Amino acid sequence: MDSMAISKFKATCLATLERVRKTGRPLRVTRFGKPIAEIRPPTPAPTPPNWLGARRHTGKILGDIVGPTGDLVAWEVRK
């Protein structure tokens, strides 16, 4: 873990925070050689579940899904 004096951190705060975010390496801020804070990169944000395909593998096929659903003779056609 890298260390940095508080005076240098104060002068380069935004650049230092960006460096921690990009590299993923934590930083310890010291005052008179004693640690007073640790800066760590953020944890990854949880990704929302993808609603497309969320119900896949949950259906159950009951019976014939290819054949006709009823007797074709029983259908009545009106003109």
C-alpha atoms as a PDB file:
ATOM      1  CA  MET A   1       0.000   0.000   0.000  1.00  0.00           C
ATOM      2  CA  ASP A   2       1.331   3.413  -0.956  1.00  0.00           C
ATOM      3  CA  SER A   3       1.588   6.220   1.604  1.00  0.00           C
ATOM      4  CA  MET A   4       1.282   9.964   1.145  1.00  0.00           C
ATOM      5  CA  ALA A   5       1.650  12.885   3.513  1.00  0.00           C
ATOM      6  CA  ILE A   6      -1.549  14.786   4.177  1.00  0.00           C
ATOM      7  CA  SER A   7      -0.058  18.031   2.818  1.00  0.00           C
ATOM      8  CA  LYS A   8       0.713  16.398  -0.537  1.00  0.00           C
ATOM      9  CA  PHE A   9      -2.697  14.726  -0.581  1.00  0.00           C
ATOM     10  CA  LYS A  10      -4.385  18.076   0.020  1.00  0.00           C
ATOM     11  CA  ALA A  11      -2.480  19.652  -2.881  1.00  0.00           C
ATOM     12  CA  THR A  12      -3.197  16.792  -5.305  1.00  0.00           C
ATOM     13  CA  CYS A  13      -6.495  15.435  -3.976  1.00  0.00           C
ATOM     14  CA  LEU A  14      -8.467  15.042  -7.229  1.00  0.00           C
ATOM     15  CA  ALA A  15      -5.567  13.588  -9.188  1.00  0.00           C
ATOM     16  CA  THR A  16      -4.757  11.199  -6.337  1.00  0.00           C
ATOM     17  CA  LEU A  17      -8.360   9.983  -6.083  1.00  0.00           C
ATOM     18  CA  GLU A  18      -8.455   9.407  -9.842  1.00  0.00           C
ATOM     19  CA  ARG A  19      -5.191   7.447  -9.667  1.00  0.00           C
ATOM     20  CA  VAL A  20      -6.613   5.193  -6.931  1.00  0.00           C
ATOM     21  CA  ARG A  21      -9.749   4.633  -9.009  1.00  0.00           C
ATOM     22  CA  LYS A  22      -7.788   3.765 -12.168  1.00  0.00           C
ATOM     23  CA  THR A  23      -5.086   1.576 -10.631  1.00  0.00           C
ATOM     24  CA  GLY A  24      -7.195  -0.065  -7.933  1.00  0.00           C
ATOM     25  CA  ARG A  25      -4.351   0.324  -5.431  1.00  0.00           C
ATOM     26  CA  PRO A  26      -5.294   1.724  -2.005  1.00  0.00           C
ATOM     27  CA  LEU A  27      -3.517   4.740  -0.526  1.00  0.00           C
ATOM     28  CA  ARG A  28      -2.718   5.524   3.106  1.00  0.00           C
ATOM     29  CA  VAL A  29      -2.706   9.206   4.086  1.00  0.00           C
ATOM     30  CA  THR A  30      -0.344  10.048   6.931  1.00  0.00           C
ATOM     31  CA  ARG A  31       0.143  12.970   9.288  1.00  0.00           C
ATOM     32  CA  PHE A  32       3.519  13.244  11.018  1.00  0.00           C
ATOM     33  CA  GLY A  33       4.238   9.698   9.796  1.00  0.00           C
ATOM     34  CA  LYS A  34       1.142   8.162  11.419  1.00  0.00           C
ATOM     35  CA  PRO A  35      -1.729   6.878   9.291  1.00  0.00           C
ATOM     36  CA  ILE A  36      -4.950   8.869   9.542  1.00  0.00           C
ATOM     37  CA  ALA A  37      -6.939   7.576   6.565  1.00  0.00           C
ATOM     38  CA  GLU A  38      -6.990   4.924   3.876  1.00  0.00           C
ATOM     39  CA  ILE A  39      -8.391   5.566   0.455  1.00  0.00           C
ATOM     40  CA  ARG A  40      -9.617   2.522  -1.416  1.00  0.00           C
ATOM     41  CA  PRO A  41     -11.096   2.148  -4.884  1.00  0.00           C
ATOM     42  CA  PRO A  42     -14.889   1.827  -5.003  1.00  0.00           C
ATOM     43  CA  THR A  43     -16.486  -1.572  -5.075  1.00  0.00           C
ATOM     44  CA  PRO A  44     -18.152  -2.377  -8.389  1.00  0.00           C
ATOM     45  CA  ALA A  45     -21.789  -1.361  -8.555  1.00  0.00           C
ATOM     46  CA  PRO A  46     -24.154  -4.329  -8.691  1.00  0.00           C
ATOM     47  CA  THR A  47     -25.534  -4.829 -12.164  1.00  0.00           C
ATOM     48  CA  PRO A  48     -29.313  -4.949 -12.411  1.00  0.00           C
ATOM     49  CA  PRO A  49     -30.667  -8.300 -13.515  1.00  0.00           C
ATOM     50  CA  ASN A  50     -31.338  -8.566 -17.208  1.00  0.00           C
ATOM     51  CA  TRP A  51     -35.090  -8.874 -17.667  1.00  0.00           C
ATOM     52  CA  LEU A  52     -34.654 -10.328 -21.151  1.00  0.00           C
ATOM     53  CA  GLY A  53     -34.503 -14.061 -20.695  1.00  0.00           C
ATOM     54  CA  ALA A  54     -35.081 -13.845 -16.956  1.00  0.00           C
ATOM     55  CA  ARG A  55     -37.763 -16.561 -17.121  1.00  0.00           C
ATOM     56  CA  ARG A  56     -35.844 -18.983 -19.352  1.00  0.00           C
ATOM     57  CA  HIS A  57     -35.725 -22.592 -18.202  1.00  0.00           C
ATOM     58  CA  THR A  58     -38.795 -22.021 -16.003  1.00  0.00           C
ATOM     59  CA  GLY A  59     -41.511 -23.246 -18.394  1.00  0.00           C
ATOM     60  CA  LYS A  60     -42.789 -26.779 -18.671  1.00  0.00           C
ATOM     61  CA  ILE A  61     -44.124 -28.308 -21.897  1.00  0.00           C
ATOM     62  CA  LEU A  62     -47.266 -30.349 -21.339  1.00  0.00           C
ATOM     63  CA  GLY A  63     -48.448 -32.363 -24.342  1.00  0.00           C
ATOM     64  CA  ASP A  64     -47.912 -31.914 -28.072  1.00  0.00           C
ATOM     65  CA  ILE A  65     -46.837 -28.404 -29.121  1.00  0.00           C
ATOM     66  CA  VAL A  66     -46.564 -29.194 -32.847  1.00  0.00           C
ATOM     67  CA  GLY A  67     -49.843 -30.941 -33.676  1.00  0.00           C
ATOM     68  CA  PRO A  68     -53.269 -29.320 -34.069  1.00  0.00           C
ATOM     69  CA  THR A  69     -55.089 -28.215 -30.947  1.00  0.00           C
ATOM     70  CA  GLY A  70     -58.403 -29.777 -31.890  1.00  0.00           C
ATOM     71  CA  ASP A  71     -60.288 -31.754 -34.510  1.00  0.00           C
ATOM     72  CA  LEU A  72     -60.297 -29.901 -37.846  1.00  0.00           C
ATOM     73  CA  VAL A  73     -63.682 -31.418 -38.814  1.00  0.00           C
ATOM     74  CA  ALA A  74     -65.411 -29.694 -35.903  1.00  0.00           C
ATOM     75  CA  TRP A  75     -64.542 -26.227 -37.243  1.00  0.00           C
ATOM     76  CA  GLU A  76     -67.392 -24.382 -38.865  1.00  0.00           C
ATOM     77  CA  VAL A  77     -66.779 -21.944 -41.688  1.00  0.00           C
ATOM     78  CA  ARG A  78     -69.331 -19.159 -42.375  1.00  0.00           C
ATOM     79  CA  LYS A  79     -69.465 -17.155 -45.515  1.00  0.00           C
END
